[in-house]
Amino acid sequence: MQPKELVQAWFEQVWNQGNTAYIDQHLADICNFTGLAPGPITCPEDFHAFHAQMTGIFDNIRIRVDDLIEQGDTVAGVAHVSATHRATGRPVQFDSHFFGLVQSDRILEAQNGTDFLSVLIQIGAMTPEGMEAGLTGGEKIGVGSA
């Protein structure tokens, strides 16, 4: 399978179909995924935990790959995510950009830029004004009172 095809199938199988066996089949035993969780995802077990966390937080996850570019073993793309936040029932939509390395039908690396900030605003956990204040050095967001 070409790297581009494997990445497209990854999103379809793992996220849209919920086929977690695909993780074990196509994620390298030692991998490096960044930009999805506070720390790197370094093995299939880590990715299973991340997947379980995301499917626990969101329902009806659908990922559409809008752009996908392949050069050798390298794949880059943009994915659009839509889901329902379980705790609030609110629909969310956000984009994620990724740059990955695929060899021998296994994903070895993926650097991700996911717009979790817009998700926080969409679920009501942060206001646009709060985001601006936090970024400009104003009020601290998510930090206990002094």
N, C-alpha and C. Protein backbone atom coordinates (compact mmCIF):
# COMPACT_ATOMS: atom_id res chain seq x y z
N MET A 1 0.84 -1.16 0.00
CA MET A 1 0.00 0.00 0.00
C MET A 1 0.90 1.24 0.00
N GLN A 2 0.56 2.21 -0.82
CA GLN A 2 1.32 3.46 -0.86
C GLN A 2 1.08 4.25 0.43
N PRO A 3 2.07 5.04 0.88
CA PRO A 3 1.90 5.81 2.12
C PRO A 3 0.62 6.66 2.14
N LYS A 4 0.31 7.30 1.04
CA LYS A 4 -0.88 8.14 0.95
C LYS A 4 -2.15 7.31 1.17
N GLU A 5 -2.20 6.14 0.57
CA GLU A 5 -3.36 5.25 0.73
C GLU A 5 -3.49 4.76 2.17
N LEU A 6 -2.35 4.46 2.80
CA LEU A 6 -2.37 3.98 4.18
C LEU A 6 -2.89 5.06 5.12
N VAL A 7 -2.45 6.29 4.94
CA VAL A 7 -2.92 7.38 5.79
C VAL A 7 -4.41 7.63 5.60
N GLN A 8 -4.87 7.63 4.37
CA GLN A 8 -6.30 7.79 4.10
C GLN A 8 -7.09 6.67 4.78
N ALA A 9 -6.60 5.44 4.65
CA ALA A 9 -7.27 4.29 5.27
C ALA A 9 -7.21 4.38 6.79
N TRP A 10 -6.12 4.92 7.35
CA TRP A 10 -5.98 5.09 8.80
C TRP A 10 -7.13 5.92 9.35
N PHE A 11 -7.36 7.08 8.75
CA PHE A 11 -8.45 7.94 9.23
C PHE A 11 -9.80 7.26 9.07
N GLU A 12 -10.01 6.61 7.96
CA GLU A 12 -11.29 5.94 7.72
C GLU A 12 -11.50 4.78 8.70
N GLN A 13 -10.50 3.93 8.83
CA GLN A 13 -10.64 2.74 9.67
C GLN A 13 -10.64 3.08 11.16
N VAL A 14 -9.61 3.79 11.62
CA VAL A 14 -9.44 4.04 13.05
C VAL A 14 -10.50 4.99 13.60
N TRP A 15 -10.76 6.07 12.87
CA TRP A 15 -11.65 7.09 13.41
C TRP A 15 -13.09 6.96 12.91
N ASN A 16 -13.29 6.86 11.62
CA ASN A 16 -14.66 6.83 11.10
C ASN A 16 -15.35 5.49 11.36
N GLN A 17 -14.60 4.40 11.28
CA GLN A 17 -15.20 3.08 11.49
C GLN A 17 -14.98 2.54 12.91
N GLY A 18 -14.07 3.15 13.66
CA GLY A 18 -13.78 2.68 15.02
C GLY A 18 -13.05 1.36 15.07
N ASN A 19 -12.32 1.04 14.00
CA ASN A 19 -11.60 -0.22 13.90
C ASN A 19 -10.23 -0.07 14.57
N THR A 20 -10.18 -0.32 15.88
CA THR A 20 -8.92 -0.13 16.62
C THR A 20 -7.88 -1.21 16.30
N ALA A 21 -8.28 -2.32 15.71
CA ALA A 21 -7.30 -3.34 15.30
C ALA A 21 -6.35 -2.76 14.24
N TYR A 22 -6.83 -1.78 13.48
CA TYR A 22 -6.01 -1.13 12.45
C TYR A 22 -4.80 -0.43 13.07
N ILE A 23 -4.95 0.04 14.32
CA ILE A 23 -3.82 0.67 15.02
C ILE A 23 -2.68 -0.32 15.14
N ASP A 24 -2.97 -1.51 15.63
CA ASP A 24 -1.93 -2.53 15.82
C ASP A 24 -1.35 -3.02 14.50
N GLN A 25 -2.16 -3.01 13.45
CA GLN A 25 -1.70 -3.48 12.15
C GLN A 25 -0.81 -2.47 11.44
N HIS A 26 -1.04 -1.16 11.68
CA HIS A 26 -0.35 -0.17 10.85
C HIS A 26 0.38 0.93 11.60
N LEU A 27 0.51 0.82 12.91
CA LEU A 27 1.32 1.76 13.66
C LEU A 27 2.58 1.02 14.10
N ALA A 28 3.74 1.63 13.86
CA ALA A 28 5.01 0.99 14.23
C ALA A 28 5.06 0.74 15.73
N ASP A 29 5.75 -0.33 16.13
CA ASP A 29 5.87 -0.67 17.56
C ASP A 29 6.53 0.46 18.34
N ILE A 30 7.47 1.15 17.70
CA ILE A 30 8.09 2.34 18.27
C ILE A 30 7.80 3.46 17.30
N CYS A 31 7.03 4.44 17.76
CA CYS A 31 6.62 5.53 16.88
C CYS A 31 6.79 6.85 17.62
N ASN A 32 6.51 7.94 16.94
CA ASN A 32 6.57 9.25 17.57
C ASN A 32 5.49 10.14 16.97
N PHE A 33 4.40 10.29 17.72
CA PHE A 33 3.31 11.19 17.33
C PHE A 33 3.36 12.38 18.30
N THR A 34 3.41 13.58 17.76
CA THR A 34 3.40 14.77 18.60
C THR A 34 2.23 15.66 18.19
N GLY A 35 1.83 16.55 19.13
CA GLY A 35 0.79 17.52 18.84
C GLY A 35 -0.63 17.04 19.05
N LEU A 36 -0.80 15.86 19.60
CA LEU A 36 -2.14 15.33 19.86
C LEU A 36 -2.46 15.28 21.35
N ALA A 37 -1.45 15.06 22.15
CA ALA A 37 -1.61 14.90 23.60
C ALA A 37 -0.52 15.72 24.28
N PRO A 38 -0.59 15.89 25.59
CA PRO A 38 0.45 16.67 26.28
C PRO A 38 1.86 16.15 26.05
N GLY A 39 2.01 14.86 25.92
CA GLY A 39 3.32 14.27 25.64
C GLY A 39 3.27 13.47 24.36
N PRO A 40 4.41 12.97 23.90
CA PRO A 40 4.41 12.19 22.66
C PRO A 40 3.73 10.83 22.83
N ILE A 41 3.17 10.35 21.73
CA ILE A 41 2.62 9.00 21.65
C ILE A 41 3.74 8.17 21.03
N THR A 42 4.22 7.16 21.76
CA THR A 42 5.43 6.45 21.32
C THR A 42 5.24 4.97 21.00
N CYS A 43 4.01 4.47 21.13
CA CYS A 43 3.77 3.06 20.85
C CYS A 43 2.26 2.86 20.61
N PRO A 44 1.89 1.72 20.05
CA PRO A 44 0.46 1.46 19.82
C PRO A 44 -0.40 1.56 21.10
N GLU A 45 0.15 1.12 22.24
CA GLU A 45 -0.62 1.19 23.49
C GLU A 45 -0.95 2.64 23.82
N ASP A 46 0.02 3.55 23.62
CA ASP A 46 -0.24 4.99 23.84
C ASP A 46 -1.35 5.48 22.91
N PHE A 47 -1.31 5.04 21.65
CA PHE A 47 -2.32 5.51 20.71
C PHE A 47 -3.69 4.96 21.07
N HIS A 48 -3.74 3.71 21.52
CA HIS A 48 -5.02 3.15 21.97
C HIS A 48 -5.59 3.98 23.12
N ALA A 49 -4.73 4.39 24.05
CA ALA A 49 -5.18 5.22 25.18
C ALA A 49 -5.69 6.57 24.68
N PHE A 50 -4.98 7.18 23.74
CA PHE A 50 -5.41 8.45 23.16
C PHE A 50 -6.76 8.29 22.45
N HIS A 51 -6.89 7.24 21.67
CA HIS A 51 -8.13 6.97 20.94
C HIS A 51 -9.29 6.78 21.92
N ALA A 52 -9.06 6.01 22.97
CA ALA A 52 -10.12 5.79 23.97
C ALA A 52 -10.50 7.10 24.65
N GLN A 53 -9.52 7.94 24.93
CA GLN A 53 -9.80 9.24 25.54
C GLN A 53 -10.66 10.09 24.60
N MET A 54 -10.27 10.17 23.33
CA MET A 54 -11.00 11.00 22.38
C MET A 54 -12.42 10.47 22.13
N THR A 55 -12.57 9.15 22.01
CA THR A 55 -13.90 8.60 21.78
C THR A 55 -14.75 8.65 23.05
N GLY A 56 -14.12 8.81 24.20
CA GLY A 56 -14.86 9.04 25.44
C GLY A 56 -15.34 10.48 25.55
N ILE A 57 -14.59 11.41 25.00
CA ILE A 57 -14.93 12.83 25.05
C ILE A 57 -15.90 13.20 23.93
N PHE A 58 -15.70 12.59 22.75
CA PHE A 58 -16.50 12.93 21.57
C PHE A 58 -17.26 11.73 21.04
N ASP A 59 -18.43 12.00 20.53
CA ASP A 59 -19.27 10.99 19.89
C ASP A 59 -19.38 11.36 18.41
N ASN A 60 -19.76 10.40 17.59
CA ASN A 60 -19.99 10.65 16.15
C ASN A 60 -18.79 11.31 15.47
N ILE A 61 -17.61 10.83 15.77
CA ILE A 61 -16.40 11.39 15.16
C ILE A 61 -16.36 11.03 13.68
N ARG A 62 -16.19 12.06 12.86
CA ARG A 62 -16.03 11.87 11.42
C ARG A 62 -14.83 12.70 10.99
N ILE A 63 -13.93 12.07 10.27
CA ILE A 63 -12.75 12.79 9.77
C ILE A 63 -12.74 12.68 8.25
N ARG A 64 -12.62 13.84 7.64
CA ARG A 64 -12.53 13.93 6.18
C ARG A 64 -11.14 14.49 5.86
N VAL A 65 -10.39 13.76 5.06
CA VAL A 65 -9.08 14.24 4.65
C VAL A 65 -9.27 15.14 3.43
N ASP A 66 -8.96 16.41 3.61
CA ASP A 66 -9.17 17.39 2.54
C ASP A 66 -8.00 17.47 1.57
N ASP A 67 -6.80 17.38 2.09
CA ASP A 67 -5.60 17.44 1.25
C ASP A 67 -4.62 16.39 1.72
N LEU A 68 -3.97 15.75 0.77
CA LEU A 68 -3.00 14.72 1.10
C LEU A 68 -1.91 14.73 0.04
N ILE A 69 -0.68 14.91 0.48
CA ILE A 69 0.46 14.98 -0.44
C ILE A 69 1.47 13.92 -0.02
N GLU A 70 1.99 13.21 -1.00
CA GLU A 70 2.96 12.16 -0.74
C GLU A 70 4.24 12.44 -1.51
N GLN A 71 5.37 12.30 -0.83
CA GLN A 71 6.67 12.37 -1.49
C GLN A 71 7.54 11.30 -0.86
N GLY A 72 7.77 10.23 -1.60
CA GLY A 72 8.51 9.10 -1.04
C GLY A 72 7.74 8.50 0.12
N ASP A 73 8.41 8.38 1.28
CA ASP A 73 7.78 7.83 2.49
C ASP A 73 7.06 8.89 3.32
N THR A 74 7.11 10.13 2.88
CA THR A 74 6.54 11.24 3.64
C THR A 74 5.14 11.59 3.13
N VAL A 75 4.24 11.81 4.08
CA VAL A 75 2.87 12.19 3.75
C VAL A 75 2.50 13.41 4.59
N ALA A 76 1.89 14.39 3.95
CA ALA A 76 1.40 15.58 4.66
C ALA A 76 -0.03 15.82 4.25
N GLY A 77 -0.81 16.37 5.17
CA GLY A 77 -2.19 16.62 4.81
C GLY A 77 -2.94 17.46 5.81
N VAL A 78 -4.19 17.71 5.47
CA VAL A 78 -5.12 18.46 6.30
C VAL A 78 -6.37 17.60 6.45
N ALA A 79 -6.81 17.46 7.68
CA ALA A 79 -8.03 16.71 7.95
C ALA A 79 -9.04 17.61 8.65
N HIS A 80 -10.30 17.45 8.30
CA HIS A 80 -11.38 18.20 8.95
C HIS A 80 -12.14 17.22 9.84
N VAL A 81 -12.29 17.59 11.10
CA VAL A 81 -12.94 16.72 12.08
C VAL A 81 -14.29 17.33 12.48
N SER A 82 -15.30 16.49 12.51
CA SER A 82 -16.59 16.90 13.09
C SER A 82 -16.98 15.82 14.09
N ALA A 83 -17.59 16.27 15.19
CA ALA A 83 -17.97 15.34 16.25
C ALA A 83 -18.98 16.03 17.16
N THR A 84 -19.44 15.29 18.16
CA THR A 84 -20.32 15.84 19.17
C THR A 84 -19.62 15.70 20.52
N HIS A 85 -19.52 16.79 21.26
CA HIS A 85 -18.91 16.75 22.58
C HIS A 85 -19.91 16.09 23.53
N ARG A 86 -19.52 14.97 24.11
CA ARG A 86 -20.45 14.17 24.92
C ARG A 86 -20.99 14.94 26.13
N ALA A 87 -20.13 15.67 26.83
CA ALA A 87 -20.55 16.32 28.08
C ALA A 87 -21.55 17.45 27.85
N THR A 88 -21.43 18.15 26.72
CA THR A 88 -22.31 19.30 26.47
C THR A 88 -23.34 19.04 25.39
N GLY A 89 -23.12 18.02 24.57
CA GLY A 89 -23.99 17.76 23.44
C GLY A 89 -23.77 18.71 22.27
N ARG A 90 -22.76 19.57 22.39
CA ARG A 90 -22.49 20.55 21.34
C ARG A 90 -21.70 19.93 20.18
N PRO A 91 -22.08 20.31 18.96
CA PRO A 91 -21.28 19.86 17.81
C PRO A 91 -19.98 20.66 17.75
N VAL A 92 -18.92 20.01 17.33
CA VAL A 92 -17.64 20.69 17.14
C VAL A 92 -17.10 20.37 15.75
N GLN A 93 -16.35 21.31 15.22
CA GLN A 93 -15.64 21.12 13.96
C GLN A 93 -14.28 21.80 14.09
N PHE A 94 -13.25 21.11 13.64
CA PHE A 94 -11.91 21.68 13.70
C PHE A 94 -11.02 20.99 12.68
N ASP A 95 -9.88 21.61 12.43
CA ASP A 95 -8.93 21.07 11.46
C ASP A 95 -7.68 20.58 12.17
N SER A 96 -7.02 19.64 11.52
CA SER A 96 -5.74 19.14 12.00
C SER A 96 -4.82 18.98 10.79
N HIS A 97 -3.61 19.46 10.94
CA HIS A 97 -2.60 19.33 9.89
C HIS A 97 -1.59 18.30 10.37
N PHE A 98 -1.09 17.50 9.47
CA PHE A 98 -0.15 16.46 9.88
C PHE A 98 0.94 16.27 8.83
N PHE A 99 2.07 15.81 9.32
CA PHE A 99 3.25 15.55 8.51
C PHE A 99 3.83 14.25 9.05
N GLY A 100 3.81 13.19 8.24
CA GLY A 100 4.18 11.88 8.77
C GLY A 100 5.14 11.09 7.91
N LEU A 101 5.63 10.03 8.50
CA LEU A 101 6.56 9.11 7.84
C LEU A 101 5.96 7.71 7.88
N VAL A 102 5.87 7.08 6.70
CA VAL A 102 5.29 5.75 6.57
C VAL A 102 6.32 4.85 5.87
N GLN A 103 6.59 3.69 6.46
CA GLN A 103 7.48 2.72 5.85
C GLN A 103 6.94 1.32 6.09
N SER A 104 7.01 0.49 5.08
CA SER A 104 6.59 -0.92 5.18
C SER A 104 5.19 -1.06 5.76
N ASP A 105 4.26 -0.25 5.25
CA ASP A 105 2.85 -0.29 5.68
C ASP A 105 2.65 0.02 7.16
N ARG A 106 3.57 0.80 7.74
CA ARG A 106 3.44 1.21 9.14
C ARG A 106 3.75 2.70 9.26
N ILE A 107 2.98 3.36 10.12
CA ILE A 107 3.22 4.77 10.39
C ILE A 107 4.26 4.86 11.51
N LEU A 108 5.36 5.56 11.23
CA LEU A 108 6.44 5.69 12.20
C LEU A 108 6.39 7.01 12.95
N GLU A 109 6.03 8.07 12.25
CA GLU A 109 6.02 9.40 12.86
C GLU A 109 4.84 10.20 12.34
N ALA A 110 4.37 11.12 13.18
CA ALA A 110 3.37 12.08 12.75
C ALA A 110 3.49 13.32 13.64
N GLN A 111 3.75 14.43 13.00
CA GLN A 111 3.72 15.71 13.69
C GLN A 111 2.37 16.33 13.37
N ASN A 112 1.63 16.68 14.39
CA ASN A 112 0.26 17.15 14.21
C ASN A 112 0.09 18.56 14.76
N GLY A 113 -0.70 19.33 14.05
CA GLY A 113 -1.11 20.65 14.53
C GLY A 113 -2.63 20.64 14.55
N THR A 114 -3.20 20.43 15.71
CA THR A 114 -4.64 20.28 15.84
C THR A 114 -5.21 21.49 16.57
N ASP A 115 -6.30 22.02 16.06
CA ASP A 115 -6.90 23.25 16.59
C ASP A 115 -7.79 22.95 17.80
N PHE A 116 -7.16 22.51 18.88
CA PHE A 116 -7.92 22.23 20.09
C PHE A 116 -8.42 23.51 20.76
N LEU A 117 -7.79 24.64 20.49
CA LEU A 117 -8.25 25.90 21.06
C LEU A 117 -9.67 26.23 20.59
N SER A 118 -9.93 26.02 19.30
CA SER A 118 -11.29 26.29 18.82
C SER A 118 -12.30 25.31 19.42
N VAL A 119 -11.85 24.10 19.73
CA VAL A 119 -12.74 23.13 20.38
C VAL A 119 -13.14 23.64 21.76
N LEU A 120 -12.18 24.17 22.51
CA LEU A 120 -12.49 24.70 23.85
C LEU A 120 -13.52 25.82 23.76
N ILE A 121 -13.40 26.66 22.75
CA ILE A 121 -14.38 27.74 22.57
C ILE A 121 -15.74 27.17 22.17
N GLN A 122 -15.75 26.19 21.25
CA GLN A 122 -17.01 25.62 20.79
C GLN A 122 -17.78 24.89 21.88
N ILE A 123 -17.08 24.28 22.84
CA ILE A 123 -17.78 23.56 23.92
C ILE A 123 -18.09 24.46 25.11
N GLY A 124 -17.65 25.72 25.02
CA GLY A 124 -17.94 26.66 26.09
C GLY A 124 -16.96 26.63 27.25
N ALA A 125 -15.84 25.93 27.10
CA ALA A 125 -14.85 25.86 28.16
C ALA A 125 -13.97 27.11 28.19
N MET A 126 -14.00 27.89 27.12
CA MET A 126 -13.23 29.12 27.03
C MET A 126 -13.99 30.08 26.14
N THR A 127 -13.93 31.34 26.46
CA THR A 127 -14.56 32.34 25.60
C THR A 127 -13.51 32.95 24.68
N PRO A 128 -13.90 33.49 23.55
CA PRO A 128 -12.92 34.18 22.69
C PRO A 128 -12.22 35.32 23.45
N GLU A 129 -12.95 36.01 24.33
CA GLU A 129 -12.36 37.08 25.10
C GLU A 129 -11.33 36.54 26.09
N GLY A 130 -11.65 35.41 26.69
CA GLY A 130 -10.70 34.77 27.61
C GLY A 130 -9.44 34.33 26.90
N MET A 131 -9.59 33.82 25.68
CA MET A 131 -8.43 33.43 24.89
C MET A 131 -7.54 34.64 24.63
N GLU A 132 -8.17 35.74 24.20
CA GLU A 132 -7.41 36.95 23.91
C GLU A 132 -6.70 37.46 25.16
N ALA A 133 -7.40 37.48 26.29
CA ALA A 133 -6.80 37.95 27.54
C ALA A 133 -5.61 37.07 27.93
N GLY A 134 -5.78 35.77 27.78
CA GLY A 134 -4.69 34.85 28.12
C GLY A 134 -3.47 35.02 27.23
N LEU A 135 -3.71 35.23 25.95
CA LEU A 135 -2.61 35.37 25.00
C LEU A 135 -1.89 36.71 25.10
N THR A 136 -2.59 37.72 25.60
CA THR A 136 -1.98 39.05 25.71
C THR A 136 -1.42 39.31 27.09
N GLY A 137 -1.42 38.30 27.95
CA GLY A 137 -0.84 38.47 29.27
C GLY A 137 -1.84 38.94 30.31
N GLY A 138 -3.10 38.95 29.96
CA GLY A 138 -4.14 39.37 30.90
C GLY A 138 -4.45 38.24 31.86
N GLU A 139 -5.72 37.94 32.01
CA GLU A 139 -6.13 36.92 32.99
C GLU A 139 -5.57 35.54 32.62
N LYS A 140 -5.31 34.78 33.64
CA LYS A 140 -4.83 33.42 33.45
C LYS A 140 -6.03 32.50 33.27
N ILE A 141 -5.96 31.62 32.29
CA ILE A 141 -7.07 30.74 31.98
C ILE A 141 -6.74 29.34 32.49
N GLY A 142 -7.66 28.79 33.27
CA GLY A 142 -7.45 27.43 33.76
C GLY A 142 -6.44 27.34 34.87
N VAL A 143 -6.10 28.47 35.48
CA VAL A 143 -5.13 28.50 36.57
C VAL A 143 -5.88 28.91 37.83
N GLY A 144 -5.63 28.22 38.94
CA GLY A 144 -6.30 28.55 40.19
C GLY A 144 -6.04 29.99 40.61
N SER A 145 -6.95 30.52 41.39
CA SER A 145 -6.81 31.91 41.81
C SER A 145 -5.63 32.06 42.76
N ALA A 146 -5.03 33.25 42.70
CA ALA A 146 -3.84 33.51 43.50
C ALA A 146 -4.20 33.91 44.91
